[in-house]
Protein backbone atom coordinates (compact mmCIF):
# COMPACT_ATOMS: atom_id res chain seq x y z
CA MET A 1 55.83 17.10 -60.65
CA ASN A 2 56.93 19.82 -58.22
CA GLY A 3 58.28 17.46 -55.59
CA GLU A 4 55.22 17.58 -53.37
CA ARG A 5 53.79 14.28 -52.18
CA PRO A 6 50.28 13.56 -53.45
CA ALA A 7 47.49 13.86 -50.83
CA SER A 8 46.47 10.59 -49.24
CA PRO A 9 43.05 9.42 -50.38
CA GLU A 10 40.16 9.71 -47.88
CA PRO A 11 39.64 6.38 -46.06
CA ALA A 12 36.60 4.47 -47.20
CA PHE A 13 35.49 4.17 -43.57
CA PRO A 14 36.15 6.53 -40.65
CA GLU A 15 38.78 5.43 -38.18
CA PRO A 16 37.41 3.97 -34.96
CA ALA A 17 37.26 6.44 -32.11
CA SER A 18 39.95 6.12 -29.54
CA PRO A 19 38.82 4.76 -26.16
CA GLY A 20 37.15 7.43 -24.11
CA ARG A 21 36.78 9.84 -27.01
CA PHE A 22 33.01 9.40 -27.22
CA ARG A 23 30.84 8.32 -24.31
CA PRO A 24 27.12 7.51 -24.46
CA ARG A 25 24.99 10.16 -22.85
CA PRO A 26 23.78 8.94 -19.44
CA ARG A 27 20.09 8.19 -19.28
CA PRO A 28 18.04 10.56 -17.10
CA ARG A 29 17.48 9.39 -13.56
CA LEU A 30 13.96 8.56 -12.43
CA ARG A 31 12.64 10.20 -9.26
CA LEU A 32 10.49 8.01 -7.01
CA GLY A 33 8.45 9.84 -4.36
CA THR A 34 8.04 8.18 -0.98
CA ARG A 35 7.20 8.93 2.60
CA GLY A 36 10.20 8.98 4.91
CA SER A 37 9.48 6.20 7.42
CA ARG A 38 11.73 3.16 7.51
CA LEU A 39 8.89 1.00 6.21
CA ALA A 40 8.00 3.37 3.38
CA LEU A 41 11.64 3.59 2.31
CA ALA A 42 12.03 -0.20 2.38
CA GLN A 43 8.93 -0.62 0.21
CA SER A 44 10.08 2.06 -2.21
CA ARG A 45 13.61 0.65 -2.52
CA THR A 46 12.16 -2.70 -3.56
CA VAL A 47 10.19 -1.04 -6.36
CA ALA A 48 13.14 1.21 -7.30
CA ASP A 49 15.48 -1.78 -7.70
CA ARG A 50 13.03 -3.65 -9.92
CA LEU A 51 12.28 -0.57 -11.99
CA ALA A 52 15.98 0.18 -12.49
CA SER A 53 16.47 -3.38 -13.73
CA ALA A 54 13.50 -3.15 -16.12
CA SER A 55 14.30 0.31 -17.51
CA GLY A 56 18.09 0.50 -17.33
CA ARG A 57 17.72 3.92 -15.67
CA PRO A 58 18.91 4.83 -12.17
CA VAL A 59 16.12 5.53 -9.68
CA ASP A 60 16.48 8.05 -6.86
CA LEU A 61 14.20 8.13 -3.82
CA VAL A 62 12.70 11.53 -3.03
CA GLU A 63 11.29 11.80 0.50
CA ILE A 64 8.06 13.79 0.82
CA MET A 65 6.26 14.48 4.09
CA SER A 66 2.51 13.88 4.01
CA ASP A 67 -0.12 15.69 6.06
CA GLY A 68 -0.56 12.52 8.09
CA ASP A 69 3.16 12.43 8.91
CA ARG A 70 3.24 16.12 9.81
CA SER A 71 0.39 15.99 12.33
CA THR A 72 0.05 14.18 15.66
CA LYS A 73 -3.75 14.47 15.68
CA PRO A 74 -5.90 11.33 15.49
CA ILE A 75 -6.56 10.27 11.91
CA ALA A 76 -10.28 10.89 12.39
CA ALA A 77 -9.52 14.53 13.16
CA LEU A 78 -7.55 14.92 9.92
CA GLY A 79 -10.26 13.48 7.70
CA THR A 80 -10.40 9.94 6.37
CA THR A 81 -9.29 10.44 2.78
CA GLY A 82 -5.78 10.81 1.43
CA VAL A 83 -3.93 12.17 4.47
CA PHE A 84 -0.89 10.00 3.71
CA VAL A 85 -0.89 10.32 -0.09
CA THR A 86 -2.11 13.78 -1.15
CA ALA A 87 1.26 15.55 -0.91
CA LEU A 88 2.95 12.82 -2.96
CA ARG A 89 0.27 12.88 -5.65
CA GLU A 90 0.49 16.66 -5.90
CA ALA A 91 4.25 16.43 -6.41
CA LEU A 92 3.68 13.83 -9.13
CA LEU A 93 1.17 16.01 -10.98
CA LEU A 94 3.51 19.00 -10.74
CA GLY A 95 6.37 16.99 -12.28
CA SER A 96 8.63 17.17 -9.21
CA ILE A 97 8.83 13.36 -9.24
CA ASP A 98 8.16 10.66 -11.84
CA LEU A 99 6.36 8.01 -9.82
CA VAL A 100 5.09 7.26 -6.31
CA VAL A 101 4.91 4.13 -4.19
CA HIS A 102 1.99 4.03 -1.75
CA SER A 103 0.76 1.54 0.80
CA PHE A 104 -2.33 0.67 -1.24
CA LYS A 105 -4.65 0.78 1.76
CA ASP A 106 -3.86 4.51 2.17
CA LEU A 107 -4.99 5.38 -1.36
CA PRO A 108 -8.50 6.87 -1.82
CA ALA A 109 -10.87 4.55 -3.65
CA LYS A 110 -11.65 7.05 -6.39
CA PRO A 111 -8.97 7.63 -9.08
CA LEU A 112 -7.32 11.02 -9.57
CA ALA A 113 -7.40 12.57 -13.04
CA GLY A 114 -4.00 12.61 -14.70
CA LEU A 115 -2.57 9.71 -12.69
CA CYS A 116 -2.39 6.03 -13.55
CA LEU A 117 -2.23 2.99 -11.27
CA ALA A 118 0.68 1.57 -13.24
CA ALA A 119 1.52 -1.44 -11.07
CA VAL A 120 0.30 -3.49 -8.13
CA PRO A 121 3.31 -5.67 -7.23
CA ALA A 122 2.84 -9.08 -5.63
CA ARG A 123 0.96 -8.62 -2.37
CA GLU A 124 2.44 -9.44 1.02
CA ASP A 125 0.39 -11.13 3.78
CA PRO A 126 -2.78 -8.97 4.12
CA ARG A 127 -3.64 -10.02 7.69
CA ASP A 128 -3.27 -8.13 10.96
CA ALA A 129 -0.76 -9.15 13.61
CA LEU A 130 -0.78 -8.85 17.39
CA VAL A 131 2.45 -7.81 19.12
CA ASP A 132 2.19 -8.39 22.88
CA ARG A 133 4.76 -7.64 25.56
CA GLN A 134 4.28 -11.04 27.21
CA ASP A 135 3.86 -13.13 24.04
CA ARG A 136 0.14 -13.71 24.60
CA ARG A 137 -2.53 -14.38 22.01
CA LEU A 138 -5.51 -12.06 21.65
CA VAL A 139 -7.92 -14.34 23.57
CA ASP A 140 -5.41 -14.69 26.40
CA LEU A 141 -5.14 -10.97 27.16
CA PRO A 142 -6.49 -10.18 30.63
CA ALA A 143 -9.35 -7.82 31.35
CA GLY A 144 -8.24 -4.24 31.02
CA ALA A 145 -5.22 -5.01 28.83
CA ARG A 146 -4.32 -1.93 26.79
CA ILE A 147 -4.23 -2.54 23.05
CA GLY A 148 -2.88 0.29 20.91
CA THR A 149 -4.23 0.98 17.44
CA GLY A 150 -4.88 4.00 15.28
CA ALA A 151 -7.43 2.26 13.06
CA ALA A 152 -11.15 2.69 13.62
CA ARG A 153 -11.64 -0.67 11.86
CA ARG A 154 -9.49 -2.54 14.38
CA SER A 155 -11.15 -0.78 17.31
CA ALA A 156 -14.58 -1.74 16.00
CA GLU A 157 -13.54 -5.35 15.42
CA LEU A 158 -12.18 -5.63 18.96
CA ARG A 159 -15.50 -4.38 20.32
CA ARG A 160 -17.38 -6.82 18.07
CA LEU A 161 -15.36 -9.69 19.51
CA GLY A 162 -16.47 -8.66 22.99
CA LEU A 163 -13.01 -8.89 24.51
CA PRO A 164 -12.60 -7.11 27.88
CA VAL A 165 -9.66 -5.04 26.67
CA THR A 166 -9.07 -1.30 26.61
CA VAL A 167 -8.43 0.23 23.19
CA VAL A 168 -5.79 2.97 23.31
CA PRO A 169 -5.70 5.34 20.29
CA ILE A 170 -2.10 5.71 19.08
CA ARG A 171 -0.28 7.37 16.17
CA GLY A 172 3.12 6.87 14.65
CA ASN A 173 5.04 4.65 12.27
CA LEU A 174 5.64 0.95 12.83
CA ASP A 175 8.90 1.40 14.73
CA ARG A 176 7.25 3.83 17.13
CA ARG A 177 4.33 1.49 17.77
CA LEU A 178 6.62 -1.42 18.57
CA ALA A 179 8.60 0.84 20.89
CA MET A 180 5.38 1.65 22.77
CA VAL A 181 4.97 -2.06 23.55
CA GLU A 182 8.57 -2.42 24.61
CA SER A 183 8.39 0.60 26.91
CA GLY A 184 5.11 -0.50 28.51
CA ALA A 185 3.12 2.48 27.22
CA VAL A 186 0.65 -0.17 26.00
CA ASP A 187 0.44 -3.91 26.58
CA ALA A 188 0.06 -4.79 22.91
CA VAL A 189 -0.50 -3.32 19.47
CA ILE A 190 -2.26 -4.56 16.37
CA VAL A 191 -0.39 -3.79 13.15
CA ALA A 192 -0.28 -5.02 9.57
CA ALA A 193 1.67 -8.25 9.24
CA ALA A 194 3.04 -7.04 5.90
CA GLY A 195 4.93 -4.20 7.57
CA LEU A 196 6.61 -6.58 10.00
CA ILE A 197 7.57 -8.90 7.16
CA ARG A 198 9.04 -6.12 5.00
CA LEU A 199 11.21 -4.92 7.86
CA GLY A 200 12.27 -8.41 8.91
CA LEU A 201 10.38 -8.10 12.21
CA LEU A 202 7.79 -10.86 11.91
CA ALA A 203 9.29 -12.64 14.94
CA ALA A 204 7.88 -9.80 17.07
CA ALA A 205 4.33 -10.95 16.29
CA THR A 206 2.73 -13.16 18.91
CA GLU A 207 -0.27 -13.96 16.71
CA ILE A 208 -1.32 -13.50 13.08
CA LEU A 209 -5.04 -12.75 13.29
CA ASP A 210 -7.37 -14.91 11.23
CA PRO A 211 -9.58 -12.80 8.90
CA GLU A 212 -12.57 -14.70 10.34
CA ARG A 213 -11.93 -12.72 13.52
CA MET A 214 -10.49 -9.48 12.13
CA LEU A 215 -10.84 -8.58 8.48
CA PRO A 216 -7.94 -6.54 7.12
CA ALA A 217 -8.39 -3.13 5.52
CA PRO A 218 -9.12 -3.12 1.78
CA ALA A 219 -5.84 -3.63 -0.13
CA GLN A 220 -3.82 -4.11 3.08
CA GLY A 221 -0.44 -5.69 2.39
CA ALA A 222 -0.36 -4.42 -1.21
CA LEU A 223 1.62 -1.59 -2.79
CA ALA A 224 0.30 0.84 -5.39
CA VAL A 225 2.68 2.41 -7.91
CA GLU A 226 1.35 5.56 -9.59
CA CYS A 227 2.78 7.63 -12.43
CA ARG A 228 1.42 10.27 -14.76
CA GLU A 229 -1.05 8.89 -17.29
CA GLU A 230 0.81 10.58 -20.15
CA ASP A 231 4.13 8.88 -19.34
CA ARG A 232 3.71 5.89 -21.64
CA GLU A 233 7.32 4.68 -21.54
CA LEU A 234 7.36 4.59 -17.74
CA ARG A 235 4.01 2.82 -17.69
CA GLU A 236 5.44 0.10 -19.95
CA TRP A 237 8.40 -0.43 -17.61
CA LEU A 238 6.18 -0.50 -14.52
CA ALA A 239 3.88 -3.07 -16.14
CA VAL A 240 6.68 -5.58 -15.59
CA LEU A 241 6.18 -5.17 -11.82
CA ASP A 242 2.42 -5.78 -11.94
CA ASP A 243 0.99 -8.95 -10.38
CA PRO A 244 -2.39 -9.82 -11.95
CA ALA A 245 -3.71 -11.75 -8.93
CA SER A 246 -2.86 -8.91 -6.54
CA ARG A 247 -4.48 -6.37 -8.86
CA MET A 248 -7.68 -8.45 -9.13
CA THR A 249 -8.11 -9.07 -5.40
CA THR A 250 -7.36 -5.49 -4.38
CA ALA A 251 -9.69 -4.15 -7.08
CA ALA A 252 -12.56 -6.25 -5.67
CA GLU A 253 -11.85 -5.05 -2.13
CA ARG A 254 -11.61 -1.41 -3.17
CA SER A 255 -14.83 -1.58 -5.17
CA PHE A 256 -16.58 -2.37 -1.87
CA LEU A 257 -14.91 0.65 -0.27
CA ALA A 258 -15.77 2.92 -3.19
CA ARG A 259 -19.43 1.88 -3.21
CA LEU A 260 -19.74 2.68 0.49
CA ASP A 261 -18.32 6.12 -0.39
CA VAL A 262 -16.17 6.31 2.74
CA GLY A 263 -12.49 7.04 3.25
CA CYS A 264 -9.66 4.57 3.70
CA GLY A 265 -9.64 5.29 7.45
CA ALA A 266 -13.29 4.26 7.95
CA PRO A 267 -14.17 1.13 9.98
CA VAL A 268 -14.36 -1.05 6.87
CA GLY A 269 -12.72 -4.39 6.17
CA ALA A 270 -12.43 -6.45 3.00
CA TYR A 271 -10.50 -9.58 2.11
CA ALA A 272 -10.52 -11.17 -1.35
CA ARG A 273 -8.74 -14.28 -2.54
CA LEU A 274 -8.74 -16.47 -5.63
CA ILE A 275 -10.04 -19.89 -4.66
CA ASP A 276 -9.33 -21.40 -8.09
CA SER A 277 -8.26 -20.11 -11.47
CA GLY A 278 -11.67 -18.65 -12.27
CA THR A 279 -13.37 -17.76 -8.97
CA ILE A 280 -12.88 -14.94 -6.49
CA CYS A 281 -14.20 -14.98 -2.92
CA LEU A 282 -14.77 -11.73 -1.04
CA ASP A 283 -15.48 -11.21 2.68
CA VAL A 284 -16.42 -7.71 3.82
CA CYS A 285 -17.49 -5.86 6.91
CA CYS A 286 -18.49 -2.37 7.92
CA ALA A 287 -18.88 -1.32 11.50
CA GLY A 288 -20.08 1.53 13.61
CA ARG A 289 -17.89 2.85 16.37
CA ASP A 290 -20.22 1.27 18.93
CA GLY A 291 -19.10 -2.16 17.75
CA THR A 292 -22.18 -2.97 15.68
CA ALA A 293 -20.81 -4.91 12.75
CA ILE A 294 -22.22 -6.15 9.47
CA ARG A 295 -20.43 -8.94 7.63
CA ARG A 296 -21.17 -10.28 4.19
CA SER A 297 -19.45 -12.80 1.88
CA GLY A 298 -19.80 -13.84 -1.72
CA GLN A 299 -18.20 -15.54 -4.71
CA ALA A 300 -18.13 -14.67 -8.38
CA PRO A 301 -16.14 -15.29 -11.55
CA VAL A 302 -12.83 -13.44 -11.43
CA SER A 303 -13.97 -11.12 -14.21
CA GLN A 304 -16.84 -9.93 -11.99
CA GLY A 305 -14.84 -9.29 -8.81
CA CYS A 306 -15.53 -5.56 -8.78
CA GLN A 307 -19.22 -6.11 -9.37
CA LEU A 308 -19.21 -8.52 -6.42
CA GLY A 309 -17.75 -5.79 -4.23
CA ILE A 310 -20.49 -3.40 -5.31
CA GLU A 311 -23.24 -5.95 -4.61
CA LEU A 312 -21.87 -6.73 -1.15
CA ALA A 313 -21.65 -3.01 -0.39
CA ASP A 314 -25.30 -2.55 -1.40
CA ALA A 315 -26.27 -5.46 0.87
CA ALA A 316 -24.28 -3.96 3.75
CA ILE A 317 -25.85 -0.53 3.24
CA GLU A 318 -29.33 -2.09 3.29
CA ALA A 319 -28.56 -4.06 6.45
CA ARG A 320 -27.06 -0.99 8.13
CA GLY A 321 -30.24 0.93 7.39
CA GLN A 322 -32.29 -1.83 9.01
CA LEU A 323 -30.16 -1.66 12.16
CA THR A 324 -30.75 2.10 12.56
């Protein structure tokens, strides 16, 4: 021996790392595209929170301005298809964002190649609501009362009802429309009840309009969450947010819209509901701008909801041809 100490044997197991020596790599953040209105942001935050919980990944909101937001022209002048969603869908296809939350009623009826409708969360109240400066109901409005709306469907329904009111075309987000009532620019507005509910403003409504009098737009009150079709992991996480009943009813309503081959801004209404576990009921209408309206209703097994929408559209098209 030369006086040197023998080398210590290698430990059978590596020593545990000291605290803070190794940290797990943070998971990539998900980018959720949304329009920038207060309502759009509220809707998107709800989806973002649920997705973050399901995936364990942080979700950032990315505001994108649509053509409809950028312009002050009447919707009819912009075209009736996709004015509020095209810019967001383009960003999704380009990979600038990972998913998009739409108001489902704004989404064109025909799918876009490369994108997937990954989730339809539980639907909010699909009906329309009247907000009046003097807390009156629709039938109590005096002759000449000015009702603001940007929807051709609502204008046509008001004419069909034969009320002696004046329809005032308006544009703008929900906050701006309510401000128009408060300022006296109009006497009342008709808006989606779902928007009021999501912003905690339902108390502003003086009447929730029965669909027997005013059918809502197809898929009104529902959200649509889109992602790229190839993103299988994200699709699995988003499936947790999907509500089967909301998907079935909106699919039936949108099949009517698709068969008519018109845009989401056309004077078309549709309202589906499940009346028991196996049956779907669908009420639809299409109207000309002169107030001439065609209404049809039907029932079918839930599995045939989309076919019911197609059949009611064919019946409406035939009746419309007979009127002209």
